[in-house]
Each structure stands twice: as C-alpha cells, then as structure tokens.
Amino acid sequence: MASRNLFKTQKTLIVPYGLRSWLGCVCRAVLLEDPENVIEFIFDYCMGLLNFRKNPSMDVKDLTYLYQKNRGKVISFHFSMVC
C-alpha cells in the first residue's frame, strides 16, 4: 500500500505582484544602511516609499527601483573576466 505522504499535493502560494521586488529592495536597504533598529528602519523606509509614490498607478517594481535610486543606495554589480 502506498504511503499517504506520496500522494500529498503541493500547496500553491500566490504572492501579490511587486512583493518580491519590494522585499528585495527593503532587504538591500537594511543590509546597506545597517540600522540599529531594523523594525523602525523598515517602517520609515515604507513611509518614505509611500510619500515618494506620486502616481498611484505607477508599477510597483519601477517605484521601488526609483525610490532606492533616489536614496542613493542602488548597487550595480559589474563582473569583468580577466583573460
């Protein structure tokens, strides 16, 4: 007889659009700025993001990128190959 665990279905989690981008930007900001109080920092970051958002229909991914860029903390990684 087959095990019950073998036939369990995987659950699907639907994540709201833009949540992954927003979470990535928040995590990056926390790592870059290394705040003493992370909870307060995230609250301030989110309030700043809401105030920065001028157009409510602006794409969340674009909004988080522009806000991060405006804070002057955008990191770009460049890899060069040495031959």
PDB file of N, CA and C in Angstrom:
ATOM      1  N   MET A   1       0.846  -1.184   0.000  1.00  0.00           N
ATOM      2  CA  MET A   1       0.000   0.000   0.000  1.00  0.00           C
ATOM      3  C   MET A   1       0.891   1.247   0.000  1.00  0.00           C
ATOM      4  N   ALA A   2       0.530   2.215  -0.794  1.00  0.00           N
ATOM      5  CA  ALA A   2       1.334   3.435  -0.935  1.00  0.00           C
ATOM      6  C   ALA A   2       1.188   4.325   0.296  1.00  0.00           C
ATOM      7  N   SER A   3       2.237   5.011   0.577  1.00  0.00           N
ATOM      8  CA  SER A   3       2.241   5.926   1.716  1.00  0.00           C
ATOM      9  C   SER A   3       1.344   7.128   1.428  1.00  0.00           C
ATOM     10  N   ARG A   4       0.704   7.654   2.449  1.00  0.00           N
ATOM     11  CA  ARG A   4      -0.147   8.837   2.285  1.00  0.00           C
ATOM     12  C   ARG A   4       0.677  10.056   1.876  1.00  0.00           C
ATOM     13  N   ASN A   5       1.909  10.137   2.352  1.00  0.00           N
ATOM     14  CA  ASN A   5       2.767  11.275   2.024  1.00  0.00           C
ATOM     15  C   ASN A   5       3.101  11.329   0.540  1.00  0.00           C
ATOM     16  N   LEU A   6       3.094  10.192  -0.111  1.00  0.00           N
ATOM     17  CA  LEU A   6       3.426  10.127  -1.531  1.00  0.00           C
ATOM     18  C   LEU A   6       2.398  10.869  -2.383  1.00  0.00           C
ATOM     19  N   PHE A   7       1.157  10.892  -1.942  1.00  0.00           N
ATOM     20  CA  PHE A   7       0.084  11.478  -2.742  1.00  0.00           C
ATOM     21  C   PHE A   7      -0.349  12.863  -2.269  1.00  0.00           C
ATOM     22  N   LYS A   8       0.376  13.448  -1.358  1.00  0.00           N
ATOM     23  CA  LYS A   8       0.029  14.797  -0.912  1.00  0.00           C
ATOM     24  C   LYS A   8       0.314  15.787  -2.032  1.00  0.00           C
ATOM     25  N   THR A   9      -0.584  16.707  -2.219  1.00  0.00           N
ATOM     26  CA  THR A   9      -0.373  17.732  -3.240  1.00  0.00           C
ATOM     27  C   THR A   9       0.399  18.899  -2.635  1.00  0.00           C
ATOM     28  N   GLN A  10       1.187  19.530  -3.478  1.00  0.00           N
ATOM     29  CA  GLN A  10       1.922  20.700  -3.013  1.00  0.00           C
ATOM     30  C   GLN A  10       0.981  21.891  -2.998  1.00  0.00           C
ATOM     31  N   LYS A  11       1.091  22.692  -1.974  1.00  0.00           N
ATOM     32  CA  LYS A  11       0.250  23.872  -1.866  1.00  0.00           C
ATOM     33  C   LYS A  11       0.876  25.007  -2.658  1.00  0.00           C
ATOM     34  N   THR A  12       0.042  25.802  -3.278  1.00  0.00           N
ATOM     35  CA  THR A  12       0.498  26.929  -4.068  1.00  0.00           C
ATOM     36  C   THR A  12       0.227  28.212  -3.298  1.00  0.00           C
ATOM     37  N   LEU A  13       1.227  29.040  -3.219  1.00  0.00           N
ATOM     38  CA  LEU A  13       1.086  30.325  -2.552  1.00  0.00           C
ATOM     39  C   LEU A  13       1.120  31.410  -3.613  1.00  0.00           C
ATOM     40  N   ILE A  14       0.080  32.206  -3.656  1.00  0.00           N
ATOM     41  CA  ILE A  14       0.022  33.294  -4.624  1.00  0.00           C
ATOM     42  C   ILE A  14       0.540  34.555  -3.947  1.00  0.00           C
ATOM     43  N   VAL A  15       1.611  35.098  -4.497  1.00  0.00           N
ATOM     44  CA  VAL A  15       2.252  36.285  -3.942  1.00  0.00           C
ATOM     45  C   VAL A  15       1.797  37.496  -4.750  1.00  0.00           C
ATOM     46  N   PRO A  16       1.375  38.570  -4.088  1.00  0.00           N
ATOM     47  CA  PRO A  16       0.936  39.759  -4.818  1.00  0.00           C
ATOM     48  C   PRO A  16       2.039  40.311  -5.719  1.00  0.00           C
ATOM     49  N   TYR A  17       1.628  40.867  -6.854  1.00  0.00           N
ATOM     50  CA  TYR A  17       2.569  41.424  -7.816  1.00  0.00           C
ATOM     51  C   TYR A  17       3.398  42.524  -7.153  1.00  0.00           C
ATOM     52  N   GLY A  18       4.689  42.481  -7.341  1.00  0.00           N
ATOM     53  CA  GLY A  18       5.581  43.513  -6.833  1.00  0.00           C
ATOM     54  C   GLY A  18       6.125  43.242  -5.444  1.00  0.00           C
ATOM     55  N   LEU A  19       5.548  42.274  -4.731  1.00  0.00           N
ATOM     56  CA  LEU A  19       6.009  41.993  -3.367  1.00  0.00           C
ATOM     57  C   LEU A  19       7.456  41.527  -3.354  1.00  0.00           C
ATOM     58  N   ARG A  20       7.816  40.708  -4.312  1.00  0.00           N
ATOM     59  CA  ARG A  20       9.190  40.200  -4.369  1.00  0.00           C
ATOM     60  C   ARG A  20      10.187  41.338  -4.613  1.00  0.00           C
ATOM     61  N   SER A  21       9.857  42.251  -5.521  1.00  0.00           N
ATOM     62  CA  SER A  21      10.731  43.399  -5.796  1.00  0.00           C
ATOM     63  C   SER A  21      10.845  44.296  -4.575  1.00  0.00           C
ATOM     64  N   TRP A  22       9.694  44.557  -3.945  1.00  0.00           N
ATOM     65  CA  TRP A  22       9.683  45.419  -2.771  1.00  0.00           C
ATOM     66  C   TRP A  22      10.513  44.804  -1.643  1.00  0.00           C
ATOM     67  N   LEU A  23      10.317  43.523  -1.413  1.00  0.00           N
ATOM     68  CA  LEU A  23      11.052  42.843  -0.352  1.00  0.00           C
ATOM     69  C   LEU A  23      12.547  42.850  -0.628  1.00  0.00           C
ATOM     70  N   GLY A  24      12.923  42.660  -1.890  1.00  0.00           N
ATOM     71  CA  GLY A  24      14.339  42.712  -2.264  1.00  0.00           C
ATOM     72  C   GLY A  24      14.950  44.074  -1.981  1.00  0.00           C
ATOM     73  N   CYS A  25      14.212  45.137  -2.307  1.00  0.00           N
ATOM     74  CA  CYS A  25      14.716  46.497  -2.062  1.00  0.00           C
ATOM     75  C   CYS A  25      14.822  46.796  -0.569  1.00  0.00           C
ATOM     76  N   VAL A  26      13.839  46.360   0.192  1.00  0.00           N
ATOM     77  CA  VAL A  26      13.883  46.586   1.643  1.00  0.00           C
ATOM     78  C   VAL A  26      15.068  45.843   2.255  1.00  0.00           C
ATOM     79  N   CYS A  27      15.254  44.598   1.869  1.00  0.00           N
ATOM     80  CA  CYS A  27      16.382  43.813   2.397  1.00  0.00           C
ATOM     81  C   CYS A  27      17.716  44.442   2.016  1.00  0.00           C
ATOM     82  N   ARG A  28      17.826  44.895   0.776  1.00  0.00           N
ATOM     83  CA  ARG A  28      19.059  45.535   0.316  1.00  0.00           C
ATOM     84  C   ARG A  28      19.334  46.804   1.125  1.00  0.00           C
ATOM     85  N   ALA A  29      18.288  47.596   1.366  1.00  0.00           N
ATOM     86  CA  ALA A  29      18.449  48.828   2.133  1.00  0.00           C
ATOM     87  C   ALA A  29      18.896  48.529   3.563  1.00  0.00           C
ATOM     88  N   VAL A  30      18.319  47.495   4.166  1.00  0.00           N
ATOM     89  CA  VAL A  30      18.710  47.111   5.530  1.00  0.00           C
ATOM     90  C   VAL A  30      20.170  46.686   5.555  1.00  0.00           C
ATOM     91  N   LEU A  31      20.583  45.899   4.584  1.00  0.00           N
ATOM     92  CA  LEU A  31      21.974  45.439   4.550  1.00  0.00           C
ATOM     93  C   LEU A  31      22.946  46.592   4.312  1.00  0.00           C
ATOM     94  N   LEU A  32      22.572  47.524   3.445  1.00  0.00           N
ATOM     95  CA  LEU A  32      23.465  48.642   3.134  1.00  0.00           C
ATOM     96  C   LEU A  32      23.586  49.642   4.276  1.00  0.00           C
ATOM     97  N   GLU A  33      22.457  49.950   4.892  1.00  0.00           N
ATOM     98  CA  GLU A  33      22.454  51.013   5.899  1.00  0.00           C
ATOM     99  C   GLU A  33      22.673  50.502   7.316  1.00  0.00           C
ATOM    100  N   ASP A  34      22.549  49.208   7.519  1.00  0.00           N
ATOM    101  CA  ASP A  34      22.833  48.570   8.805  1.00  0.00           C
ATOM    102  C   ASP A  34      22.254  49.346   9.988  1.00  0.00           C
ATOM    103  N   PRO A  35      20.921  49.504  10.025  1.00  0.00           N
ATOM    104  CA  PRO A  35      20.310  50.287  11.105  1.00  0.00           C
ATOM    105  C   PRO A  35      20.370  49.560  12.449  1.00  0.00           C
ATOM    106  N   GLU A  36      20.361  50.343  13.521  1.00  0.00           N
ATOM    107  CA  GLU A  36      20.343  49.745  14.864  1.00  0.00           C
ATOM    108  C   GLU A  36      18.983  49.120  15.156  1.00  0.00           C
ATOM    109  N   ASN A  37      17.914  49.782  14.734  1.00  0.00           N
ATOM    110  CA  ASN A  37      16.561  49.283  14.949  1.00  0.00           C
ATOM    111  C   ASN A  37      15.954  48.949  13.584  1.00  0.00           C
ATOM    112  N   VAL A  38      15.963  47.691  13.218  1.00  0.00           N
ATOM    113  CA  VAL A  38      15.526  47.263  11.887  1.00  0.00           C
ATOM    114  C   VAL A  38      14.030  47.502  11.690  1.00  0.00           C
ATOM    115  N   ILE A  39      13.236  47.234  12.705  1.00  0.00           N
ATOM    116  CA  ILE A  39      11.787  47.412  12.584  1.00  0.00           C
ATOM    117  C   ILE A  39      11.452  48.876  12.323  1.00  0.00           C
ATOM    118  N   GLU A  40      12.058  49.770  13.068  1.00  0.00           N
ATOM    119  CA  GLU A  40      11.830  51.198  12.869  1.00  0.00           C
ATOM    120  C   GLU A  40      12.338  51.636  11.492  1.00  0.00           C
ATOM    121  N   PHE A  41      13.465  51.097  11.074  1.00  0.00           N
ATOM    122  CA  PHE A  41      14.015  51.432   9.763  1.00  0.00           C
ATOM    123  C   PHE A  41      13.054  51.009   8.652  1.00  0.00           C
ATOM    124  N   ILE A  42      12.515  49.791   8.741  1.00  0.00           N
ATOM    125  CA  ILE A  42      11.592  49.310   7.714  1.00  0.00           C
ATOM    126  C   ILE A  42      10.329  50.162   7.699  1.00  0.00           C
ATOM    127  N   PHE A  43       9.847  50.551   8.875  1.00  0.00           N
ATOM    128  CA  PHE A  43       8.679  51.434   8.942  1.00  0.00           C
ATOM    129  C   PHE A  43       8.972  52.761   8.247  1.00  0.00           C
ATOM    130  N   ASP A  44      10.099  53.377   8.572  1.00  0.00           N
ATOM    131  CA  ASP A  44      10.477  54.647   7.947  1.00  0.00           C
ATOM    132  C   ASP A  44      10.679  54.483   6.441  1.00  0.00           C
ATOM    133  N   TYR A  45      11.275  53.382   6.037  1.00  0.00           N
ATOM    134  CA  TYR A  45      11.506  53.106   4.619  1.00  0.00           C
ATOM    135  C   TYR A  45      10.174  53.022   3.878  1.00  0.00           C
ATOM    136  N   CYS A  46       9.222  52.298   4.455  1.00  0.00           N
ATOM    137  CA  CYS A  46       7.914  52.139   3.811  1.00  0.00           C
ATOM    138  C   CYS A  46       7.139  53.452   3.777  1.00  0.00           C
ATOM    139  N   MET A  47       7.221  54.234   4.838  1.00  0.00           N
ATOM    140  CA  MET A  47       6.558  55.543   4.838  1.00  0.00           C
ATOM    141  C   MET A  47       7.184  56.449   3.787  1.00  0.00           C
ATOM    142  N   GLY A  48       8.495  56.417   3.671  1.00  0.00           N
ATOM    143  CA  GLY A  48       9.174  57.200   2.644  1.00  0.00           C
ATOM    144  C   GLY A  48       8.776  56.754   1.253  1.00  0.00           C
ATOM    145  N   LEU A  49       8.629  55.459   1.079  1.00  0.00           N
ATOM    146  CA  LEU A  49       8.211  54.911  -0.212  1.00  0.00           C
ATOM    147  C   LEU A  49       6.797  55.371  -0.557  1.00  0.00           C
ATOM    148  N   LEU A  50       5.905  55.363   0.428  1.00  0.00           N
ATOM    149  CA  LEU A  50       4.539  55.838   0.185  1.00  0.00           C
ATOM    150  C   LEU A  50       4.518  57.321  -0.164  1.00  0.00           C
ATOM    151  N   ASN A  51       5.330  58.114   0.519  1.00  0.00           N
ATOM    152  CA  ASN A  51       5.389  59.545   0.224  1.00  0.00           C
ATOM    153  C   ASN A  51       6.031  59.806  -1.133  1.00  0.00           C
ATOM    154  N   PHE A  52       6.966  58.968  -1.532  1.00  0.00           N
ATOM    155  CA  PHE A  52       7.663  59.114  -2.804  1.00  0.00           C
ATOM    156  C   PHE A  52       6.741  58.802  -3.978  1.00  0.00           C
ATOM    157  N   ARG A  53       5.795  57.939  -3.733  1.00  0.00           N
ATOM    158  CA  ARG A  53       4.879  57.486  -4.791  1.00  0.00           C
ATOM    159  C   ARG A  53       3.930  58.617  -5.173  1.00  0.00           C
ATOM    160  N   LYS A  54       4.185  59.222  -6.308  1.00  0.00           N
ATOM    161  CA  LYS A  54       3.365  60.343  -6.763  1.00  0.00           C
ATOM    162  C   LYS A  54       2.163  59.867  -7.570  1.00  0.00           C
ATOM    163  N   ASN A  55       2.364  58.842  -8.352  1.00  0.00           N
ATOM    164  CA  ASN A  55       1.307  58.324  -9.209  1.00  0.00           C
ATOM    165  C   ASN A  55       0.852  56.973  -8.671  1.00  0.00           C
ATOM    166  N   PRO A  56      -0.384  56.869  -8.173  1.00  0.00           N
ATOM    167  CA  PRO A  56      -0.837  55.605  -7.581  1.00  0.00           C
ATOM    168  C   PRO A  56      -0.853  54.428  -8.553  1.00  0.00           C
ATOM    169  N   SER A  57      -0.884  54.712  -9.842  1.00  0.00           N
ATOM    170  CA  SER A  57      -0.912  53.611 -10.802  1.00  0.00           C
ATOM    171  C   SER A  57       0.487  53.219 -11.276  1.00  0.00           C
ATOM    172  N   MET A  58       1.514  53.827 -10.695  1.00  0.00           N
ATOM    173  CA  MET A  58       2.887  53.507 -11.086  1.00  0.00           C
ATOM    174  C   MET A  58       3.207  52.061 -10.720  1.00  0.00           C
ATOM    175  N   ASP A  59       3.894  51.374 -11.602  1.00  0.00           N
ATOM    176  CA  ASP A  59       4.266  49.981 -11.388  1.00  0.00           C
ATOM    177  C   ASP A  59       5.111  49.847 -10.121  1.00  0.00           C
ATOM    178  N   VAL A  60       4.799  48.860  -9.299  1.00  0.00           N
ATOM    179  CA  VAL A  60       5.485  48.678  -8.019  1.00  0.00           C
ATOM    180  C   VAL A  60       6.976  48.442  -8.216  1.00  0.00           C
ATOM    181  N   LYS A  61       7.333  47.667  -9.224  1.00  0.00           N
ATOM    182  CA  LYS A  61       8.752  47.389  -9.469  1.00  0.00           C
ATOM    183  C   LYS A  61       9.500  48.664  -9.832  1.00  0.00           C
ATOM    184  N   ASP A  62       8.896  49.482 -10.701  1.00  0.00           N
ATOM    185  CA  ASP A  62       9.523  50.751 -11.075  1.00  0.00           C
ATOM    186  C   ASP A  62       9.617  51.684  -9.878  1.00  0.00           C
ATOM    187  N   LEU A  63       8.556  51.715  -9.088  1.00  0.00           N
ATOM    188  CA  LEU A  63       8.519  52.582  -7.916  1.00  0.00           C
ATOM    189  C   LEU A  63       9.626  52.240  -6.928  1.00  0.00           C
ATOM    190  N   THR A  64       9.776  50.960  -6.614  1.00  0.00           N
ATOM    191  CA  THR A  64      10.795  50.576  -5.636  1.00  0.00           C
ATOM    192  C   THR A  64      12.197  50.851  -6.161  1.00  0.00           C
ATOM    193  N   TYR A  65      12.410  50.626  -7.450  1.00  0.00           N
ATOM    194  CA  TYR A  65      13.731  50.906  -8.028  1.00  0.00           C
ATOM    195  C   TYR A  65      14.037  52.401  -7.985  1.00  0.00           C
ATOM    196  N   LEU A  66      13.072  53.232  -8.393  1.00  0.00           N
ATOM    197  CA  LEU A  66      13.296  54.681  -8.394  1.00  0.00           C
ATOM    198  C   LEU A  66      13.508  55.218  -6.981  1.00  0.00           C
ATOM    199  N   TYR A  67      12.750  54.688  -6.029  1.00  0.00           N
ATOM    200  CA  TYR A  67      12.911  55.132  -4.646  1.00  0.00           C
ATOM    201  C   TYR A  67      14.297  54.769  -4.124  1.00  0.00           C
ATOM    202  N   GLN A  68      14.721  53.556  -4.418  1.00  0.00           N
ATOM    203  CA  GLN A  68      16.046  53.110  -3.981  1.00  0.00           C
ATOM    204  C   GLN A  68      17.125  53.973  -4.631  1.00  0.00           C
ATOM    205  N   LYS A  69      16.947  54.262  -5.913  1.00  0.00           N
ATOM    206  CA  LYS A  69      17.905  55.092  -6.639  1.00  0.00           C
ATOM    207  C   LYS A  69      17.936  56.503  -6.056  1.00  0.00           C
ATOM    208  N   ASN A  70      16.774  57.012  -5.710  1.00  0.00           N
ATOM    209  CA  ASN A  70      16.668  58.344  -5.120  1.00  0.00           C
ATOM    210  C   ASN A  70      17.378  58.416  -3.770  1.00  0.00           C
ATOM    211  N   ARG A  71      17.373  57.317  -3.039  1.00  0.00           N
ATOM    212  CA  ARG A  71      18.072  57.269  -1.748  1.00  0.00           C
ATOM    213  C   ARG A  71      19.580  57.172  -1.937  1.00  0.00           C
ATOM    214  N   GLY A  72      20.011  56.931  -3.175  1.00  0.00           N
ATOM    215  CA  GLY A  72      21.439  56.866  -3.465  1.00  0.00           C
ATOM    216  C   GLY A  72      22.095  55.576  -3.035  1.00  0.00           C
ATOM    217  N   LYS A  73      21.303  54.520  -2.932  1.00  0.00           N
ATOM    218  CA  LYS A  73      21.839  53.263  -2.421  1.00  0.00           C
ATOM    219  C   LYS A  73      21.702  52.122  -3.414  1.00  0.00           C
ATOM    220  N   VAL A  74      21.564  52.438  -4.690  1.00  0.00           N
ATOM    221  CA  VAL A  74      21.443  51.372  -5.682  1.00  0.00           C
ATOM    222  C   VAL A  74      22.807  50.749  -5.911  1.00  0.00           C
ATOM    223  N   ILE A  75      22.857  49.449  -5.873  1.00  0.00           N
ATOM    224  CA  ILE A  75      24.109  48.738  -6.102  1.00  0.00           C
ATOM    225  C   ILE A  75      24.051  48.126  -7.492  1.00  0.00           C
ATOM    226  N   SER A  76      25.087  48.318  -8.231  1.00  0.00           N
ATOM    227  CA  SER A  76      25.172  47.607  -9.506  1.00  0.00           C
ATOM    228  C   SER A  76      26.435  46.767  -9.469  1.00  0.00           C
ATOM    229  N   PHE A  77      26.292  45.560  -9.878  1.00  0.00           N
ATOM    230  CA  PHE A  77      27.417  44.645  -9.874  1.00  0.00           C
ATOM    231  C   PHE A  77      27.955  44.523 -11.291  1.00  0.00           C
ATOM    232  N   HIS A  78      29.242  44.689 -11.454  1.00  0.00           N
ATOM    233  CA  HIS A  78      29.878  44.531 -12.753  1.00  0.00           C
ATOM    234  C   HIS A  78      30.928  43.438 -12.616  1.00  0.00           C
ATOM    235  N   PHE A  79      30.816  42.449 -13.459  1.00  0.00           N
ATOM    236  CA  PHE A  79      31.784  41.370 -13.460  1.00  0.00           C
ATOM    237  C   PHE A  79      32.639  41.503 -14.706  1.00  0.00           C
ATOM    238  N   SER A  80      33.917  41.465 -14.527  1.00  0.00           N
ATOM    239  CA  SER A  80      34.800  41.503 -15.695  1.00  0.00           C
ATOM    240  C   SER A  80      35.638  40.238 -15.691  1.00  0.00           C
ATOM    241  N   MET A  81      35.824  39.718 -16.852  1.00  0.00           N
ATOM    242  CA  MET A  81      36.621  38.499 -16.979  1.00  0.00           C
ATOM    243  C   MET A  81      38.041  38.877 -17.349  1.00  0.00           C
ATOM    244  N   VAL A  82      38.971  38.325 -16.644  1.00  0.00           N
ATOM    245  CA  VAL A  82      40.381  38.557 -16.943  1.00  0.00           C
ATOM    246  C   VAL A  82      40.871  37.380 -17.766  1.00  0.00           C
ATOM    247  N   CYS A  83      41.342  37.662 -18.963  1.00  0.00           N
ATOM    248  CA  CYS A  83      41.816  36.582 -19.849  1.00  0.00           C
ATOM    249  C   CYS A  83      43.314  36.489 -19.813  1.00  0.00           C
TER     250      CYS A  83
END
